[in-house]
Amino acid sequence: MGSVGNICVAMFLFLSGYGMFFSQQKRSYSIKDSLKRIYNIWIQYAFITIIIIALDSAFGKIQLDIRKIVLNVVALDYSYNKFAWFMITYIVIILKREIFILKLYI
């Protein structure tokens, strides 16, 4: 089962890029659109992460640390929400795409 799980990251990156390619063909995207896309997914991520932190602290599974809470909510750490490993990767992919497109036009 573990060897099958190793392909998940590659599949996530491939499918994210594939979806972005087809959504970009419909209309041109700007940096503002990319930031809006990041914001929309981050709001959902932050809401779920806050719920997970609240439930885990209520049941005594974690020790609350303000630094870790802030890092988890802004998606720079995923120690409280282990399933959120993709968040920073997704943000980097979106921003990298914008930098790549800017270099094409310069």
PDB file of N, CA and C in Angstrom:
ATOM      1  N   MET A   1       0.830  -1.196   0.000  1.00  0.00           N
ATOM      2  CA  MET A   1       0.000   0.000   0.000  1.00  0.00           C
ATOM      3  C   MET A   1       0.864   1.246   0.000  1.00  0.00           C
ATOM      4  N   GLY A   2       1.985   1.239   0.691  1.00  0.00           N
ATOM      5  CA  GLY A   2       2.865   2.401   0.750  1.00  0.00           C
ATOM      6  C   GLY A   2       3.481   2.740  -0.587  1.00  0.00           C
ATOM      7  N   SER A   3       3.827   1.721  -1.377  1.00  0.00           N
ATOM      8  CA  SER A   3       4.431   1.993  -2.682  1.00  0.00           C
ATOM      9  C   SER A   3       3.422   2.627  -3.635  1.00  0.00           C
ATOM     10  N   VAL A   4       2.154   2.309  -3.483  1.00  0.00           N
ATOM     11  CA  VAL A   4       1.125   2.938  -4.306  1.00  0.00           C
ATOM     12  C   VAL A   4       0.960   4.400  -3.892  1.00  0.00           C
ATOM     13  N   GLY A   5       1.112   4.695  -2.616  1.00  0.00           N
ATOM     14  CA  GLY A   5       0.969   6.066  -2.115  1.00  0.00           C
ATOM     15  C   GLY A   5       2.071   6.991  -2.570  1.00  0.00           C
ATOM     16  N   ASN A   6       3.221   6.457  -2.952  1.00  0.00           N
ATOM     17  CA  ASN A   6       4.328   7.308  -3.388  1.00  0.00           C
ATOM     18  C   ASN A   6       4.016   8.060  -4.675  1.00  0.00           C
ATOM     19  N   ILE A   7       3.104   7.582  -5.434  1.00  0.00           N
ATOM     20  CA  ILE A   7       2.770   8.228  -6.698  1.00  0.00           C
ATOM     21  C   ILE A   7       1.756   9.369  -6.514  1.00  0.00           C
ATOM     22  N   CYS A   8       1.179   9.506  -5.342  1.00  0.00           N
ATOM     23  CA  CYS A   8       0.128  10.500  -5.119  1.00  0.00           C
ATOM     24  C   CYS A   8       0.600  11.931  -5.357  1.00  0.00           C
ATOM     25  N   VAL A   9       1.789  12.272  -4.912  1.00  0.00           N
ATOM     26  CA  VAL A   9       2.290  13.636  -5.089  1.00  0.00           C
ATOM     27  C   VAL A   9       2.460  13.949  -6.570  1.00  0.00           C
ATOM     28  N   ALA A  10       3.043  13.029  -7.297  1.00  0.00           N
ATOM     29  CA  ALA A  10       3.222  13.239  -8.734  1.00  0.00           C
ATOM     30  C   ALA A  10       1.882  13.355  -9.442  1.00  0.00           C
ATOM     31  N   MET A  11       0.921  12.533  -9.050  1.00  0.00           N
ATOM     32  CA  MET A  11      -0.417  12.613  -9.655  1.00  0.00           C
ATOM     33  C   MET A  11      -1.072  13.948  -9.341  1.00  0.00           C
ATOM     34  N   PHE A  12      -0.931  14.416  -8.102  1.00  0.00           N
ATOM     35  CA  PHE A  12      -1.508  15.703  -7.712  1.00  0.00           C
ATOM     36  C   PHE A  12      -0.920  16.833  -8.543  1.00  0.00           C
ATOM     37  N   LEU A  13       0.400  16.855  -8.676  1.00  0.00           N
ATOM     38  CA  LEU A  13       1.055  17.912  -9.447  1.00  0.00           C
ATOM     39  C   LEU A  13       0.666  17.847 -10.922  1.00  0.00           C
ATOM     40  N   PHE A  14       0.623  16.662 -11.476  1.00  0.00           N
ATOM     41  CA  PHE A  14       0.264  16.510 -12.880  1.00  0.00           C
ATOM     42  C   PHE A  14      -1.169  16.961 -13.134  1.00  0.00           C
ATOM     43  N   LEU A  15      -2.102  16.493 -12.305  1.00  0.00           N
ATOM     44  CA  LEU A  15      -3.503  16.844 -12.503  1.00  0.00           C
ATOM     45  C   LEU A  15      -3.761  18.326 -12.249  1.00  0.00           C
ATOM     46  N   SER A  16      -3.057  18.920 -11.281  1.00  0.00           N
ATOM     47  CA  SER A  16      -3.193  20.366 -11.045  1.00  0.00           C
ATOM     48  C   SER A  16      -2.736  21.163 -12.260  1.00  0.00           C
ATOM     49  N   GLY A  17      -1.590  20.793 -12.798  1.00  0.00           N
ATOM     50  CA  GLY A  17      -1.076  21.482 -13.982  1.00  0.00           C
ATOM     51  C   GLY A  17      -1.966  21.274 -15.189  1.00  0.00           C
ATOM     52  N   TYR A  18      -2.497  20.077 -15.339  1.00  0.00           N
ATOM     53  CA  TYR A  18      -3.382  19.750 -16.453  1.00  0.00           C
ATOM     54  C   TYR A  18      -4.658  20.583 -16.383  1.00  0.00           C
ATOM     55  N   GLY A  19      -5.228  20.668 -15.202  1.00  0.00           N
ATOM     56  CA  GLY A  19      -6.434  21.467 -15.008  1.00  0.00           C
ATOM     57  C   GLY A  19      -6.187  22.947 -15.226  1.00  0.00           C
ATOM     58  N   MET A  20      -5.044  23.442 -14.761  1.00  0.00           N
ATOM     59  CA  MET A  20      -4.712  24.857 -14.962  1.00  0.00           C
ATOM     60  C   MET A  20      -4.503  25.152 -16.439  1.00  0.00           C
ATOM     61  N   PHE A  21      -3.916  24.233 -17.180  1.00  0.00           N
ATOM     62  CA  PHE A  21      -3.697  24.430 -18.611  1.00  0.00           C
ATOM     63  C   PHE A  21      -5.021  24.611 -19.339  1.00  0.00           C
ATOM     64  N   PHE A  22      -5.981  23.743 -19.058  1.00  0.00           N
ATOM     65  CA  PHE A  22      -7.262  23.832 -19.751  1.00  0.00           C
ATOM     66  C   PHE A  22      -8.098  25.020 -19.289  1.00  0.00           C
ATOM     67  N   SER A  23      -7.998  25.385 -18.021  1.00  0.00           N
ATOM     68  CA  SER A  23      -8.745  26.561 -17.565  1.00  0.00           C
ATOM     69  C   SER A  23      -8.135  27.844 -18.117  1.00  0.00           C
ATOM     70  N   GLN A  24      -6.843  27.826 -18.393  1.00  0.00           N
ATOM     71  CA  GLN A  24      -6.172  29.006 -18.938  1.00  0.00           C
ATOM     72  C   GLN A  24      -6.497  29.192 -20.416  1.00  0.00           C
ATOM     73  N   GLN A  25      -6.827  28.132 -21.122  1.00  0.00           N
ATOM     74  CA  GLN A  25      -7.134  28.247 -22.544  1.00  0.00           C
ATOM     75  C   GLN A  25      -8.446  28.984 -22.790  1.00  0.00           C
ATOM     76  N   LYS A  26      -9.360  28.936 -21.859  1.00  0.00           N
ATOM     77  CA  LYS A  26     -10.650  29.590 -22.036  1.00  0.00           C
ATOM     78  C   LYS A  26     -10.524  31.104 -22.046  1.00  0.00           C
ATOM     79  N   ARG A  27      -9.663  31.646 -21.219  1.00  0.00           N
ATOM     80  CA  ARG A  27      -9.439  33.088 -21.173  1.00  0.00           C
ATOM     81  C   ARG A  27      -8.075  33.351 -20.570  1.00  0.00           C
ATOM     82  N   SER A  28      -7.592  34.538 -20.752  1.00  0.00           N
ATOM     83  CA  SER A  28      -6.272  34.851 -20.215  1.00  0.00           C
ATOM     84  C   SER A  28      -6.394  35.199 -18.728  1.00  0.00           C
ATOM     85  N   TYR A  29      -5.412  34.755 -17.980  1.00  0.00           N
ATOM     86  CA  TYR A  29      -5.384  35.009 -16.547  1.00  0.00           C
ATOM     87  C   TYR A  29      -4.330  36.043 -16.236  1.00  0.00           C
ATOM     88  N   SER A  30      -4.606  36.838 -15.222  1.00  0.00           N
ATOM     89  CA  SER A  30      -3.642  37.824 -14.755  1.00  0.00           C
ATOM     90  C   SER A  30      -3.146  37.401 -13.373  1.00  0.00           C
ATOM     91  N   ILE A  31      -2.230  38.153 -12.860  1.00  0.00           N
ATOM     92  CA  ILE A  31      -1.731  37.881 -11.509  1.00  0.00           C
ATOM     93  C   ILE A  31      -2.873  38.040 -10.512  1.00  0.00           C
ATOM     94  N   LYS A  32      -3.754  39.003 -10.766  1.00  0.00           N
ATOM     95  CA  LYS A  32      -4.909  39.208  -9.886  1.00  0.00           C
ATOM     96  C   LYS A  32      -5.783  37.956  -9.837  1.00  0.00           C
ATOM     97  N   ASP A  33      -5.986  37.311 -10.971  1.00  0.00           N
ATOM     98  CA  ASP A  33      -6.775  36.076 -11.007  1.00  0.00           C
ATOM     99  C   ASP A  33      -6.088  34.957 -10.233  1.00  0.00           C
ATOM    100  N   SER A  34      -4.779  34.882 -10.346  1.00  0.00           N
ATOM    101  CA  SER A  34      -4.032  33.852  -9.619  1.00  0.00           C
ATOM    102  C   SER A  34      -4.105  34.086  -8.117  1.00  0.00           C
ATOM    103  N   LEU A  35      -3.974  35.338  -7.702  1.00  0.00           N
ATOM    104  CA  LEU A  35      -4.075  35.646  -6.271  1.00  0.00           C
ATOM    105  C   LEU A  35      -5.484  35.372  -5.754  1.00  0.00           C
ATOM    106  N   LYS A  36      -6.490  35.629  -6.574  1.00  0.00           N
ATOM    107  CA  LYS A  36      -7.865  35.325  -6.187  1.00  0.00           C
ATOM    108  C   LYS A  36      -8.050  33.817  -6.031  1.00  0.00           C
ATOM    109  N   ARG A  37      -7.447  33.040  -6.935  1.00  0.00           N
ATOM    110  CA  ARG A  37      -7.519  31.576  -6.856  1.00  0.00           C
ATOM    111  C   ARG A  37      -6.859  31.079  -5.574  1.00  0.00           C
ATOM    112  N   ILE A  38      -5.695  31.633  -5.245  1.00  0.00           N
ATOM    113  CA  ILE A  38      -4.999  31.257  -4.009  1.00  0.00           C
ATOM    114  C   ILE A  38      -5.833  31.638  -2.793  1.00  0.00           C
ATOM    115  N   TYR A  39      -6.393  32.843  -2.800  1.00  0.00           N
ATOM    116  CA  TYR A  39      -7.207  33.303  -1.673  1.00  0.00           C
ATOM    117  C   TYR A  39      -8.425  32.407  -1.461  1.00  0.00           C
ATOM    118  N   ASN A  40      -9.102  32.044  -2.543  1.00  0.00           N
ATOM    119  CA  ASN A  40     -10.310  31.223  -2.422  1.00  0.00           C
ATOM    120  C   ASN A  40     -10.011  29.848  -1.830  1.00  0.00           C
ATOM    121  N   ILE A  41      -8.939  29.227  -2.247  1.00  0.00           N
ATOM    122  CA  ILE A  41      -8.615  27.919  -1.676  1.00  0.00           C
ATOM    123  C   ILE A  41      -8.056  28.067  -0.264  1.00  0.00           C
ATOM    124  N   TRP A  42      -7.361  29.176   0.000  1.00  0.00           N
ATOM    125  CA  TRP A  42      -6.801  29.382   1.333  1.00  0.00           C
ATOM    126  C   TRP A  42      -7.902  29.587   2.370  1.00  0.00           C
ATOM    127  N   ILE A  43      -8.962  30.299   2.010  1.00  0.00           N
ATOM    128  CA  ILE A  43     -10.069  30.517   2.950  1.00  0.00           C
ATOM    129  C   ILE A  43     -10.651  29.169   3.395  1.00  0.00           C
ATOM    130  N   GLN A  44     -10.871  28.285   2.458  1.00  0.00           N
ATOM    131  CA  GLN A  44     -11.401  26.961   2.795  1.00  0.00           C
ATOM    132  C   GLN A  44     -10.409  26.179   3.646  1.00  0.00           C
ATOM    133  N   TYR A  45      -9.142  26.243   3.260  1.00  0.00           N
ATOM    134  CA  TYR A  45      -8.093  25.550   4.001  1.00  0.00           C
ATOM    135  C   TYR A  45      -8.008  26.067   5.439  1.00  0.00           C
ATOM    136  N   ALA A  46      -8.011  27.401   5.608  1.00  0.00           N
ATOM    137  CA  ALA A  46      -7.890  27.997   6.943  1.00  0.00           C
ATOM    138  C   ALA A  46      -9.080  27.604   7.818  1.00  0.00           C
ATOM    139  N   PHE A  47     -10.276  27.597   7.250  1.00  0.00           N
ATOM    140  CA  PHE A  47     -11.476  27.218   7.998  1.00  0.00           C
ATOM    141  C   PHE A  47     -11.367  25.777   8.503  1.00  0.00           C
ATOM    142  N   ILE A  48     -10.986  24.880   7.631  1.00  0.00           N
ATOM    143  CA  ILE A  48     -10.860  23.470   8.015  1.00  0.00           C
ATOM    144  C   ILE A  48      -9.742  23.282   9.038  1.00  0.00           C
ATOM    145  N   THR A  49      -8.631  23.971   8.838  1.00  0.00           N
ATOM    146  CA  THR A  49      -7.504  23.849   9.767  1.00  0.00           C
ATOM    147  C   THR A  49      -7.876  24.364  11.152  1.00  0.00           C
ATOM    148  N   ILE A  50      -8.607  25.466  11.226  1.00  0.00           N
ATOM    149  CA  ILE A  50      -9.032  26.000  12.524  1.00  0.00           C
ATOM    150  C   ILE A  50      -9.968  25.014  13.223  1.00  0.00           C
ATOM    151  N   ILE A  51     -10.854  24.391  12.471  1.00  0.00           N
ATOM    152  CA  ILE A  51     -11.750  23.382  13.064  1.00  0.00           C
ATOM    153  C   ILE A  51     -10.940  22.198  13.593  1.00  0.00           C
ATOM    154  N   ILE A  52      -9.975  21.736  12.820  1.00  0.00           N
ATOM    155  CA  ILE A  52      -9.140  20.605  13.252  1.00  0.00           C
ATOM    156  C   ILE A  52      -8.358  20.962  14.509  1.00  0.00           C
ATOM    157  N   ILE A  53      -7.782  22.153  14.547  1.00  0.00           N
ATOM    158  CA  ILE A  53      -7.019  22.581  15.722  1.00  0.00           C
ATOM    159  C   ILE A  53      -7.931  22.674  16.943  1.00  0.00           C
ATOM    160  N   ALA A  54      -9.127  23.234  16.774  1.00  0.00           N
ATOM    161  CA  ALA A  54     -10.062  23.368  17.895  1.00  0.00           C
ATOM    162  C   ALA A  54     -10.484  21.995  18.425  1.00  0.00           C
ATOM    163  N   LEU A  55     -10.819  21.082  17.525  1.00  0.00           N
ATOM    164  CA  LEU A  55     -11.243  19.741  17.969  1.00  0.00           C
ATOM    165  C   LEU A  55     -10.098  18.972  18.618  1.00  0.00           C
ATOM    166  N   ASP A  56      -8.929  19.033  18.012  1.00  0.00           N
ATOM    167  CA  ASP A  56      -7.782  18.317  18.591  1.00  0.00           C
ATOM    168  C   ASP A  56      -7.398  18.873  19.956  1.00  0.00           C
ATOM    169  N   SER A  57      -7.476  20.184  20.122  1.00  0.00           N
ATOM    170  CA  SER A  57      -7.140  20.760  21.430  1.00  0.00           C
ATOM    171  C   SER A  57      -8.234  20.458  22.451  1.00  0.00           C
ATOM    172  N   ALA A  58      -9.494  20.407  22.020  1.00  0.00           N
ATOM    173  CA  ALA A  58     -10.596  20.087  22.934  1.00  0.00           C
ATOM    174  C   ALA A  58     -10.483  18.653  23.456  1.00  0.00           C
ATOM    175  N   PHE A  59     -10.010  17.739  22.615  1.00  0.00           N
ATOM    176  CA  PHE A  59      -9.853  16.348  23.024  1.00  0.00           C
ATOM    177  C   PHE A  59      -8.474  16.048  23.586  1.00  0.00           C
ATOM    178  N   GLY A  60      -7.630  17.061  23.706  1.00  0.00           N
ATOM    179  CA  GLY A  60      -6.318  16.902  24.322  1.00  0.00           C
ATOM    180  C   GLY A  60      -5.294  16.181  23.471  1.00  0.00           C
ATOM    181  N   LYS A  61      -5.484  16.166  22.169  1.00  0.00           N
ATOM    182  CA  LYS A  61      -4.537  15.476  21.288  1.00  0.00           C
ATOM    183  C   LYS A  61      -3.307  16.316  20.969  1.00  0.00           C
ATOM    184  N   ILE A  62      -3.423  17.637  21.085  1.00  0.00           N
ATOM    185  CA  ILE A  62      -2.295  18.515  20.767  1.00  0.00           C
ATOM    186  C   ILE A  62      -2.123  19.556  21.859  1.00  0.00           C
ATOM    187  N   GLN A  63      -0.909  20.047  21.960  1.00  0.00           N
ATOM    188  CA  GLN A  63      -0.616  21.182  22.826  1.00  0.00           C
ATOM    189  C   GLN A  63      -0.634  22.435  21.966  1.00  0.00           C
ATOM    190  N   LEU A  64      -1.390  23.420  22.377  1.00  0.00           N
ATOM    191  CA  LEU A  64      -1.505  24.636  21.572  1.00  0.00           C
ATOM    192  C   LEU A  64      -0.240  25.482  21.686  1.00  0.00           C
ATOM    193  N   ASP A  65       0.231  25.888  20.560  1.00  0.00           N
ATOM    194  CA  ASP A  65       1.389  26.770  20.456  1.00  0.00           C
ATOM    195  C   ASP A  65       1.023  27.828  19.423  1.00  0.00           C
ATOM    196  N   ILE A  66       1.004  29.085  19.848  1.00  0.00           N
ATOM    197  CA  ILE A  66       0.559  30.175  18.972  1.00  0.00           C
ATOM    198  C   ILE A  66       1.365  30.208  17.684  1.00  0.00           C
ATOM    199  N   ARG A  67       2.654  30.022  17.748  1.00  0.00           N
ATOM    200  CA  ARG A  67       3.502  30.046  16.547  1.00  0.00           C
ATOM    201  C   ARG A  67       3.080  28.952  15.566  1.00  0.00           C
ATOM    202  N   LYS A  68       2.869  27.755  16.076  1.00  0.00           N
ATOM    203  CA  LYS A  68       2.460  26.642  15.214  1.00  0.00           C
ATOM    204  C   LYS A  68       1.064  26.860  14.632  1.00  0.00           C
ATOM    205  N   ILE A  69       0.176  27.446  15.423  1.00  0.00           N
ATOM    206  CA  ILE A  69      -1.180  27.723  14.930  1.00  0.00           C
ATOM    207  C   ILE A  69      -1.123  28.696  13.764  1.00  0.00           C
ATOM    208  N   VAL A  70      -0.371  29.771  13.920  1.00  0.00           N
ATOM    209  CA  VAL A  70      -0.256  30.775  12.850  1.00  0.00           C
ATOM    210  C   VAL A  70       0.369  30.153  11.606  1.00  0.00           C
ATOM    211  N   LEU A  71       1.445  29.398  11.773  1.00  0.00           N
ATOM    212  CA  LEU A  71       2.095  28.760  10.627  1.00  0.00           C
ATOM    213  C   LEU A  71       1.174  27.763   9.931  1.00  0.00           C
ATOM    214  N   ASN A  72       0.360  27.056  10.691  1.00  0.00           N
ATOM    215  CA  ASN A  72      -0.582  26.112  10.099  1.00  0.00           C
ATOM    216  C   ASN A  72      -1.706  26.825   9.354  1.00  0.00           C
ATOM    217  N   VAL A  73      -2.205  27.920   9.910  1.00  0.00           N
ATOM    218  CA  VAL A  73      -3.312  28.636   9.268  1.00  0.00           C
ATOM    219  C   VAL A  73      -2.854  29.326   7.987  1.00  0.00           C
ATOM    220  N   VAL A  74      -1.610  29.815   7.944  1.00  0.00           N
ATOM    221  CA  VAL A  74      -1.124  30.456   6.713  1.00  0.00           C
ATOM    222  C   VAL A  74      -0.473  29.449   5.770  1.00  0.00           C
ATOM    223  N   ALA A  75      -0.550  28.185   6.082  1.00  0.00           N
ATOM    224  CA  ALA A  75      -0.109  27.073   5.222  1.00  0.00           C
ATOM    225  C   ALA A  75       1.395  26.953   5.083  1.00  0.00           C
ATOM    226  N   LEU A  76       2.152  27.428   6.047  1.00  0.00           N
ATOM    227  CA  LEU A  76       3.601  27.250   6.015  1.00  0.00           C
ATOM    228  C   LEU A  76       4.043  26.026   6.803  1.00  0.00           C
ATOM    229  N   ASP A  77       3.128  25.441   7.544  1.00  0.00           N
ATOM    230  CA  ASP A  77       3.404  24.238   8.317  1.00  0.00           C
ATOM    231  C   ASP A  77       2.129  23.400   8.307  1.00  0.00           C
ATOM    232  N   TYR A  78       2.258  22.110   8.363  1.00  0.00           N
ATOM    233  CA  TYR A  78       1.065  21.262   8.422  1.00  0.00           C
ATOM    234  C   TYR A  78       1.186  20.228   9.532  1.00  0.00           C
ATOM    235  N   SER A  79       1.720  20.662  10.669  1.00  0.00           N
ATOM    236  CA  SER A  79       1.874  19.737  11.784  1.00  0.00           C
ATOM    237  C   SER A  79       0.545  19.414  12.464  1.00  0.00           C
ATOM    238  N   TYR A  80      -0.421  20.311  12.422  1.00  0.00           N
ATOM    239  CA  TYR A  80      -1.736  20.039  13.009  1.00  0.00           C
ATOM    240  C   TYR A  80      -2.682  19.379  12.013  1.00  0.00           C
ATOM    241  N   ASN A  81      -2.520  19.662  10.741  1.00  0.00           N
ATOM    242  CA  ASN A  81      -3.389  19.111   9.699  1.00  0.00           C
ATOM    243  C   ASN A  81      -2.506  18.367   8.703  1.00  0.00           C
ATOM    244  N   LYS A  82      -2.271  17.113   8.965  1.00  0.00           N
ATOM    245  CA  LYS A  82      -1.333  16.310   8.161  1.00  0.00           C
ATOM    246  C   LYS A  82      -1.763  16.156   6.708  1.00  0.00           C
ATOM    247  N   PHE A  83      -3.033  16.314   6.433  1.00  0.00           N
ATOM    248  CA  PHE A  83      -3.529  16.129   5.075  1.00  0.00           C
ATOM    249  C   PHE A  83      -3.396  17.388   4.223  1.00  0.00           C
ATOM    250  N   ALA A  84      -2.809  18.440   4.756  1.00  0.00           N
ATOM    251  CA  ALA A  84      -2.705  19.708   4.041  1.00  0.00           C
ATOM    252  C   ALA A  84      -1.326  19.917   3.414  1.00  0.00           C
ATOM    253  N   TRP A  85      -0.612  18.863   3.160  1.00  0.00           N
ATOM    254  CA  TRP A  85       0.729  18.976   2.574  1.00  0.00           C
ATOM    255  C   TRP A  85       0.684  19.650   1.213  1.00  0.00           C
ATOM    256  N   PHE A  86      -0.431  19.563   0.524  1.00  0.00           N
ATOM    257  CA  PHE A  86      -0.537  20.069  -0.844  1.00  0.00           C
ATOM    258  C   PHE A  86      -0.689  21.579  -0.909  1.00  0.00           C
ATOM    259  N   MET A  87      -1.043  22.222   0.179  1.00  0.00           N
ATOM    260  CA  MET A  87      -1.411  23.633   0.130  1.00  0.00           C
ATOM    261  C   MET A  87      -0.247  24.513  -0.322  1.00  0.00           C
ATOM    262  N   ILE A  88       0.901  24.395   0.295  1.00  0.00           N
ATOM    263  CA  ILE A  88       2.036  25.236  -0.088  1.00  0.00           C
ATOM    264  C   ILE A  88       2.514  24.869  -1.486  1.00  0.00           C
ATOM    265  N   THR A  89       2.423  23.594  -1.847  1.00  0.00           N
ATOM    266  CA  THR A  89       2.804  23.169  -3.196  1.00  0.00           C
ATOM    267  C   THR A  89       1.898  23.820  -4.234  1.00  0.00           C
ATOM    268  N   TYR A  90       0.617  23.852  -3.966  1.00  0.00           N
ATOM    269  CA  TYR A  90      -0.343  24.462  -4.885  1.00  0.00           C
ATOM    270  C   TYR A  90      -0.071  25.956  -5.048  1.00  0.00           C
ATOM    271  N   ILE A  91       0.192  26.642  -3.949  1.00  0.00           N
ATOM    272  CA  ILE A  91       0.482  28.085  -3.998  1.00  0.00           C
ATOM    273  C   ILE A  91       1.739  28.344  -4.819  1.00  0.00           C
ATOM    274  N   VAL A  92       2.766  27.540  -4.607  1.00  0.00           N
ATOM    275  CA  VAL A  92       4.012  27.704  -5.363  1.00  0.00           C
ATOM    276  C   VAL A  92       3.778  27.459  -6.849  1.00  0.00           C
ATOM    277  N   ILE A  93       2.978  26.455  -7.184  1.00  0.00           N
ATOM    278  CA  ILE A  93       2.688  26.169  -8.599  1.00  0.00           C
ATOM    279  C   ILE A  93       1.982  27.357  -9.244  1.00  0.00           C
ATOM    280  N   ILE A  94       0.999  27.915  -8.571  1.00  0.00           N
ATOM    281  CA  ILE A  94       0.263  29.056  -9.118  1.00  0.00           C
ATOM    282  C   ILE A  94       1.199  30.242  -9.325  1.00  0.00           C
ATOM    283  N   LEU A  95       2.016  30.551  -8.325  1.00  0.00           N
ATOM    284  CA  LEU A  95       2.917  31.701  -8.439  1.00  0.00           C
ATOM    285  C   LEU A  95       4.022  31.448  -9.458  1.00  0.00           C
ATOM    286  N   LYS A  96       4.514  30.235  -9.531  1.00  0.00           N
ATOM    287  CA  LYS A  96       5.558  29.882 -10.501  1.00  0.00           C
ATOM    288  C   LYS A  96       5.036  30.043 -11.929  1.00  0.00           C
ATOM    289  N   ARG A  97       3.796  29.679 -12.144  1.00  0.00           N
ATOM    290  CA  ARG A  97       3.193  29.829 -13.459  1.00  0.00           C
ATOM    291  C   ARG A  97       3.163  31.301 -13.863  1.00  0.00           C
ATOM    292  N   GLU A  98       2.834  32.173 -12.931  1.00  0.00           N
ATOM    293  CA  GLU A  98       2.796  33.608 -13.230  1.00  0.00           C
ATOM    294  C   GLU A  98       4.187  34.137 -13.570  1.00  0.00           C
ATOM    295  N   ILE A  99       5.195  33.698 -12.827  1.00  0.00           N
ATOM    296  CA  ILE A  99       6.567  34.137 -13.099  1.00  0.00           C
ATOM    297  C   ILE A  99       7.016  33.638 -14.462  1.00  0.00           C
ATOM    298  N   PHE A 100       6.671  32.396 -14.803  1.00  0.00           N
ATOM    299  CA  PHE A 100       7.036  31.823 -16.088  1.00  0.00           C
ATOM    300  C   PHE A 100       6.367  32.584 -17.235  1.00  0.00           C
ATOM    301  N   ILE A 101       5.102  32.912 -17.082  1.00  0.00           N
ATOM    302  CA  ILE A 101       4.385  33.657 -18.119  1.00  0.00           C
ATOM    303  C   ILE A 101       4.961  35.058 -18.276  1.00  0.00           C
ATOM    304  N   LEU A 102       5.319  35.719 -17.176  1.00  0.00           N
ATOM    305  CA  LEU A 102       5.914  37.049 -17.246  1.00  0.00           C
ATOM    306  C   LEU A 102       7.247  37.008 -18.008  1.00  0.00           C
ATOM    307  N   LYS A 103       8.042  35.963 -17.793  1.00  0.00           N
ATOM    308  CA  LYS A 103       9.322  35.847 -18.481  1.00  0.00           C
ATOM    309  C   LYS A 103       9.125  35.624 -19.976  1.00  0.00           C
ATOM    310  N   LEU A 104       8.032  34.973 -20.361  1.00  0.00           N
ATOM    311  CA  LEU A 104       7.763  34.761 -21.764  1.00  0.00           C
ATOM    312  C   LEU A 104       7.492  36.076 -22.490  1.00  0.00           C
ATOM    313  N   TYR A 105       6.863  37.025 -21.806  1.00  0.00           N
ATOM    314  CA  TYR A 105       6.500  38.285 -22.433  1.00  0.00           C
ATOM    315  C   TYR A 105       7.562  39.357 -22.303  1.00  0.00           C
ATOM    316  N   ILE A 106       8.588  39.111 -21.508  1.00  0.00           N
ATOM    317  CA  ILE A 106       9.662  40.118 -21.328  1.00  0.00           C
ATOM    318  C   ILE A 106      10.784  39.884 -22.311  1.00  0.00           C
TER     319      ILE A 106
END
